[in-house]
């Protein structure tokens, strides 16, 4: 997809898309729209790490709503990279713990 095509699909200018590609612009809300149009993972698009395509039930970039209403994505994106990784690791640990507890109940 060209910058122009992506810009049109997202309702942005071609120069805005260029700014996102160069890293000089980082609006979480707009990145969410871009990730959705490209059908790629938001974290991968914004950080360049992780899975390119959404995995499992994580389909946020595919248009599902943000699963944490009390913590908007822009709050997470406003954190430093180190702090975002800390949040991600903490969430993963919690999810793993809850899955393990659920498996013991079943």
N, C-alpha and C. Protein backbone atom coordinates (compact mmCIF):
# COMPACT_ATOMS: atom_id res chain seq x y z
N UNK A 1 0.85 -1.17 0.00
CA UNK A 1 0.00 0.00 0.00
C UNK A 1 0.90 1.24 0.00
N UNK A 2 0.59 2.18 -0.83
CA UNK A 2 1.40 3.40 -0.90
C UNK A 2 1.03 4.33 0.27
N UNK A 3 1.88 5.31 0.53
CA UNK A 3 1.58 6.30 1.56
C UNK A 3 0.27 7.00 1.26
N UNK A 4 0.05 7.34 0.01
CA UNK A 4 -1.17 8.04 -0.40
C UNK A 4 -2.40 7.17 -0.14
N UNK A 5 -2.32 5.90 -0.51
CA UNK A 5 -3.45 5.00 -0.29
C UNK A 5 -3.74 4.84 1.20
N UNK A 6 -2.68 4.68 1.99
CA UNK A 6 -2.86 4.54 3.44
C UNK A 6 -3.42 5.82 4.03
N UNK A 7 -2.90 6.96 3.59
CA UNK A 7 -3.40 8.25 4.08
C UNK A 7 -4.89 8.39 3.78
N UNK A 8 -5.30 8.06 2.57
CA UNK A 8 -6.71 8.15 2.20
C UNK A 8 -7.56 7.21 3.05
N UNK A 9 -7.08 6.00 3.28
CA UNK A 9 -7.82 5.02 4.07
C UNK A 9 -7.97 5.46 5.53
N UNK A 10 -6.98 6.19 6.03
CA UNK A 10 -6.98 6.61 7.44
C UNK A 10 -7.54 8.01 7.66
N UNK A 11 -7.80 8.72 6.58
CA UNK A 11 -8.27 10.08 6.71
C UNK A 11 -7.17 11.04 7.14
N UNK A 12 -5.94 10.74 6.74
CA UNK A 12 -4.78 11.56 7.07
C UNK A 12 -4.14 12.08 5.79
N UNK A 13 -3.20 12.97 5.93
CA UNK A 13 -2.45 13.44 4.77
C UNK A 13 -1.28 12.50 4.50
N UNK A 14 -0.79 12.55 3.28
CA UNK A 14 0.37 11.73 2.94
C UNK A 14 1.57 12.16 3.77
N UNK A 15 1.71 13.45 4.05
CA UNK A 15 2.84 13.91 4.86
C UNK A 15 2.74 13.40 6.30
N UNK A 16 1.51 13.24 6.80
CA UNK A 16 1.33 12.67 8.14
C UNK A 16 1.83 11.22 8.17
N UNK A 17 1.46 10.46 7.14
CA UNK A 17 1.92 9.07 7.06
C UNK A 17 3.44 9.03 7.00
N UNK A 18 4.03 9.91 6.23
CA UNK A 18 5.49 10.00 6.14
C UNK A 18 6.10 10.29 7.51
N UNK A 19 5.47 11.19 8.27
CA UNK A 19 5.96 11.53 9.61
C UNK A 19 5.88 10.34 10.56
N UNK A 20 4.81 9.54 10.44
CA UNK A 20 4.71 8.34 11.27
C UNK A 20 5.80 7.34 10.88
N UNK A 21 6.05 7.19 9.60
CA UNK A 21 7.08 6.26 9.13
C UNK A 21 8.46 6.68 9.63
N UNK A 22 8.73 7.97 9.64
CA UNK A 22 10.05 8.45 10.08
C UNK A 22 10.19 8.47 11.59
N UNK A 23 9.06 8.36 12.30
CA UNK A 23 9.10 8.36 13.75
C UNK A 23 8.97 9.74 14.37
N UNK A 24 8.78 10.76 13.56
CA UNK A 24 8.68 12.11 14.10
C UNK A 24 7.28 12.42 14.65
N UNK A 25 6.32 11.56 14.38
CA UNK A 25 4.96 11.72 14.88
C UNK A 25 4.56 10.41 15.54
N UNK A 26 3.87 10.47 16.71
CA UNK A 26 3.55 9.23 17.43
C UNK A 26 2.20 9.25 18.13
N UNK A 27 1.20 9.90 17.58
CA UNK A 27 -0.13 9.94 18.21
C UNK A 27 -0.68 8.52 18.34
N UNK A 28 -0.96 8.10 19.59
CA UNK A 28 -1.47 6.75 19.82
C UNK A 28 -2.78 6.50 19.10
N UNK A 29 -3.66 7.49 19.11
CA UNK A 29 -4.97 7.34 18.46
C UNK A 29 -4.81 7.13 16.96
N UNK A 30 -3.95 7.91 16.33
CA UNK A 30 -3.74 7.77 14.88
C UNK A 30 -3.01 6.48 14.56
N UNK A 31 -2.06 6.09 15.42
CA UNK A 31 -1.36 4.81 15.20
C UNK A 31 -2.34 3.65 15.27
N UNK A 32 -3.31 3.74 16.15
CA UNK A 32 -4.34 2.70 16.25
C UNK A 32 -5.11 2.59 14.94
N UNK A 33 -5.45 3.73 14.35
CA UNK A 33 -6.17 3.74 13.07
C UNK A 33 -5.29 3.13 11.97
N UNK A 34 -4.03 3.55 11.94
CA UNK A 34 -3.10 3.05 10.91
C UNK A 34 -2.91 1.54 11.06
N UNK A 35 -2.70 1.08 12.30
CA UNK A 35 -2.54 -0.36 12.55
C UNK A 35 -3.77 -1.13 12.08
N UNK A 36 -4.94 -0.57 12.34
CA UNK A 36 -6.17 -1.22 11.92
C UNK A 36 -6.24 -1.34 10.40
N UNK A 37 -5.92 -0.27 9.70
CA UNK A 37 -5.98 -0.28 8.23
C UNK A 37 -4.94 -1.22 7.63
N UNK A 38 -3.78 -1.31 8.27
CA UNK A 38 -2.72 -2.20 7.77
C UNK A 38 -2.88 -3.63 8.26
N UNK A 39 -3.81 -3.82 9.22
CA UNK A 39 -4.04 -5.12 9.83
C UNK A 39 -2.77 -5.68 10.47
N UNK A 40 -2.08 -4.81 11.21
CA UNK A 40 -0.88 -5.21 11.95
C UNK A 40 -1.08 -4.87 13.42
N UNK A 41 -0.24 -5.44 14.26
CA UNK A 41 -0.30 -5.23 15.69
C UNK A 41 0.12 -3.79 16.03
N UNK A 42 -0.65 -3.14 16.90
CA UNK A 42 -0.37 -1.76 17.29
C UNK A 42 1.00 -1.63 17.94
N UNK A 43 1.34 -2.53 18.84
CA UNK A 43 2.63 -2.44 19.53
C UNK A 43 3.77 -2.61 18.52
N UNK A 44 3.64 -3.54 17.62
CA UNK A 44 4.68 -3.71 16.61
C UNK A 44 4.83 -2.45 15.77
N UNK A 45 3.71 -1.87 15.36
CA UNK A 45 3.76 -0.67 14.53
C UNK A 45 4.43 0.49 15.27
N UNK A 46 4.11 0.64 16.54
CA UNK A 46 4.63 1.78 17.29
C UNK A 46 6.05 1.57 17.81
N UNK A 47 6.45 0.34 18.08
CA UNK A 47 7.75 0.06 18.69
C UNK A 47 8.69 -0.74 17.80
N UNK A 48 8.13 -1.45 16.83
CA UNK A 48 8.98 -2.27 15.97
C UNK A 48 9.39 -3.58 16.60
N UNK A 49 8.74 -3.96 17.70
CA UNK A 49 9.06 -5.23 18.36
C UNK A 49 7.78 -6.02 18.55
N UNK A 50 7.93 -7.30 18.84
CA UNK A 50 6.77 -8.16 19.03
C UNK A 50 6.31 -8.76 17.72
N UNK A 51 5.08 -9.20 17.72
CA UNK A 51 4.50 -9.84 16.53
C UNK A 51 3.95 -8.81 15.56
N UNK A 52 4.23 -8.99 14.29
CA UNK A 52 3.73 -8.07 13.27
C UNK A 52 2.21 -8.14 13.20
N UNK A 53 1.68 -9.34 13.21
CA UNK A 53 0.25 -9.52 13.10
C UNK A 53 -0.33 -9.86 14.46
N UNK A 54 -1.56 -9.40 14.74
CA UNK A 54 -2.19 -9.71 16.02
C UNK A 54 -2.26 -11.21 16.23
N UNK A 55 -2.01 -11.64 17.46
CA UNK A 55 -2.01 -13.07 17.77
C UNK A 55 -3.17 -13.40 18.71
N UNK A 56 -3.54 -14.65 18.72
CA UNK A 56 -4.59 -15.12 19.61
C UNK A 56 -5.85 -14.28 19.49
N UNK A 57 -6.37 -13.87 20.62
CA UNK A 57 -7.57 -13.05 20.61
C UNK A 57 -7.25 -11.57 20.60
N UNK A 58 -5.99 -11.21 20.55
CA UNK A 58 -5.60 -9.81 20.50
C UNK A 58 -5.80 -9.27 19.11
N UNK A 59 -7.00 -8.78 18.84
CA UNK A 59 -7.36 -8.31 17.50
C UNK A 59 -7.63 -6.81 17.50
N UNK A 60 -7.03 -6.07 18.46
CA UNK A 60 -7.26 -4.65 18.56
C UNK A 60 -6.98 -3.95 17.24
N UNK A 61 -5.90 -4.32 16.59
CA UNK A 61 -5.56 -3.66 15.33
C UNK A 61 -6.55 -4.03 14.22
N UNK A 62 -7.36 -5.03 14.47
CA UNK A 62 -8.33 -5.45 13.47
C UNK A 62 -9.69 -4.80 13.69
N UNK A 63 -9.79 -3.91 14.67
CA UNK A 63 -11.02 -3.17 14.83
C UNK A 63 -11.82 -3.44 16.09
N UNK A 64 -11.44 -4.39 16.92
CA UNK A 64 -12.17 -4.60 18.16
C UNK A 64 -11.86 -3.46 19.12
N UNK A 65 -12.71 -3.27 20.07
CA UNK A 65 -12.52 -2.18 21.02
C UNK A 65 -11.38 -2.48 22.00
N UNK A 66 -10.84 -1.41 22.55
CA UNK A 66 -9.77 -1.50 23.55
C UNK A 66 -10.33 -2.19 24.78
N UNK A 67 -9.68 -3.23 25.30
CA UNK A 67 -10.26 -4.04 26.37
C UNK A 67 -10.17 -3.44 27.78
N UNK A 68 -9.50 -2.29 27.93
CA UNK A 68 -9.30 -1.72 29.26
C UNK A 68 -9.88 -0.31 29.33
N UNK A 69 -11.18 -0.17 29.58
CA UNK A 69 -11.80 1.15 29.54
C UNK A 69 -11.22 2.15 30.52
N UNK A 70 -10.68 1.70 31.64
CA UNK A 70 -10.14 2.65 32.63
C UNK A 70 -8.69 3.05 32.32
N UNK A 71 -8.09 2.41 31.32
CA UNK A 71 -6.73 2.75 30.92
C UNK A 71 -6.70 2.92 29.40
N UNK A 72 -6.89 4.13 28.91
CA UNK A 72 -6.89 4.35 27.46
C UNK A 72 -5.51 4.10 26.85
N UNK A 73 -5.48 3.66 25.59
CA UNK A 73 -4.20 3.34 24.94
C UNK A 73 -3.22 4.51 24.93
N UNK A 74 -3.73 5.74 24.86
CA UNK A 74 -2.80 6.87 24.81
C UNK A 74 -2.03 7.03 26.11
N UNK A 75 -2.61 6.59 27.24
CA UNK A 75 -1.87 6.64 28.50
C UNK A 75 -0.69 5.67 28.47
N UNK A 76 -0.91 4.52 27.90
CA UNK A 76 0.18 3.54 27.81
C UNK A 76 1.24 4.03 26.82
N UNK A 77 0.79 4.55 25.68
CA UNK A 77 1.74 5.03 24.68
C UNK A 77 2.53 6.25 25.16
N UNK A 78 2.01 6.98 26.14
CA UNK A 78 2.71 8.15 26.67
C UNK A 78 3.84 7.75 27.62
N UNK A 79 3.86 6.50 28.06
CA UNK A 79 4.93 6.03 28.95
C UNK A 79 6.23 5.88 28.17
N UNK A 80 7.32 5.89 28.90
CA UNK A 80 8.61 5.61 28.27
C UNK A 80 8.63 4.16 27.81
N UNK A 81 9.52 3.84 26.90
CA UNK A 81 9.62 2.46 26.41
C UNK A 81 9.88 1.50 27.56
N UNK A 82 10.74 1.88 28.49
CA UNK A 82 11.06 1.03 29.65
C UNK A 82 9.79 0.77 30.48
N UNK A 83 9.02 1.83 30.73
CA UNK A 83 7.80 1.67 31.53
C UNK A 83 6.74 0.86 30.79
N UNK A 84 6.63 1.03 29.48
CA UNK A 84 5.68 0.20 28.71
C UNK A 84 6.06 -1.27 28.79
N UNK A 85 7.35 -1.57 28.70
CA UNK A 85 7.79 -2.96 28.82
C UNK A 85 7.49 -3.51 30.21
N UNK A 86 7.63 -2.67 31.23
CA UNK A 86 7.31 -3.09 32.60
C UNK A 86 5.83 -3.42 32.71
N UNK A 87 4.96 -2.56 32.13
CA UNK A 87 3.52 -2.81 32.14
C UNK A 87 3.22 -4.10 31.39
N UNK A 88 3.84 -4.29 30.24
CA UNK A 88 3.60 -5.49 29.44
C UNK A 88 4.01 -6.75 30.20
N UNK A 89 5.18 -6.74 30.81
CA UNK A 89 5.65 -7.91 31.57
C UNK A 89 4.75 -8.19 32.77
N UNK A 90 4.32 -7.12 33.45
CA UNK A 90 3.43 -7.28 34.60
C UNK A 90 2.10 -7.88 34.18
N UNK A 91 1.53 -7.38 33.09
CA UNK A 91 0.27 -7.90 32.58
C UNK A 91 0.41 -9.36 32.16
N UNK A 92 1.49 -9.70 31.48
CA UNK A 92 1.71 -11.08 31.06
C UNK A 92 1.81 -12.01 32.27
N UNK A 93 2.54 -11.58 33.30
CA UNK A 93 2.67 -12.38 34.52
C UNK A 93 1.32 -12.59 35.18
N UNK A 94 0.52 -11.54 35.24
CA UNK A 94 -0.81 -11.65 35.83
C UNK A 94 -1.70 -12.60 35.03
N UNK A 95 -1.69 -12.47 33.71
CA UNK A 95 -2.49 -13.35 32.86
C UNK A 95 -2.05 -14.80 33.02
N UNK A 96 -0.74 -15.04 33.01
CA UNK A 96 -0.24 -16.41 33.20
C UNK A 96 -0.70 -16.98 34.54
N UNK A 97 -0.66 -16.16 35.58
CA UNK A 97 -1.09 -16.59 36.91
C UNK A 97 -2.58 -16.92 36.93
N UNK A 98 -3.38 -16.08 36.30
CA UNK A 98 -4.82 -16.32 36.25
C UNK A 98 -5.16 -17.57 35.44
N UNK A 99 -4.45 -17.78 34.35
CA UNK A 99 -4.68 -18.99 33.55
C UNK A 99 -4.31 -20.25 34.34
N UNK A 100 -3.21 -20.18 35.08
CA UNK A 100 -2.79 -21.31 35.89
C UNK A 100 -3.82 -21.61 36.97
N UNK A 101 -4.30 -20.56 37.60
CA UNK A 101 -5.33 -20.73 38.65
C UNK A 101 -6.59 -21.33 38.05
N UNK A 102 -6.98 -20.87 36.85
CA UNK A 102 -8.18 -21.39 36.19
C UNK A 102 -7.97 -22.86 35.80
N UNK A 103 -6.78 -23.21 35.35
CA UNK A 103 -6.49 -24.60 34.95
C UNK A 103 -6.60 -25.53 36.17
N UNK A 104 -6.21 -25.05 37.34
CA UNK A 104 -6.29 -25.87 38.55
C UNK A 104 -7.75 -26.07 39.00
N UNK A 105 -8.61 -25.11 38.66
CA UNK A 105 -10.02 -25.24 39.00
C UNK A 105 -10.73 -26.25 38.11
N UNK A 106 -10.28 -26.32 36.84
CA UNK A 106 -10.93 -27.18 35.84
C UNK A 106 -10.58 -28.62 36.01
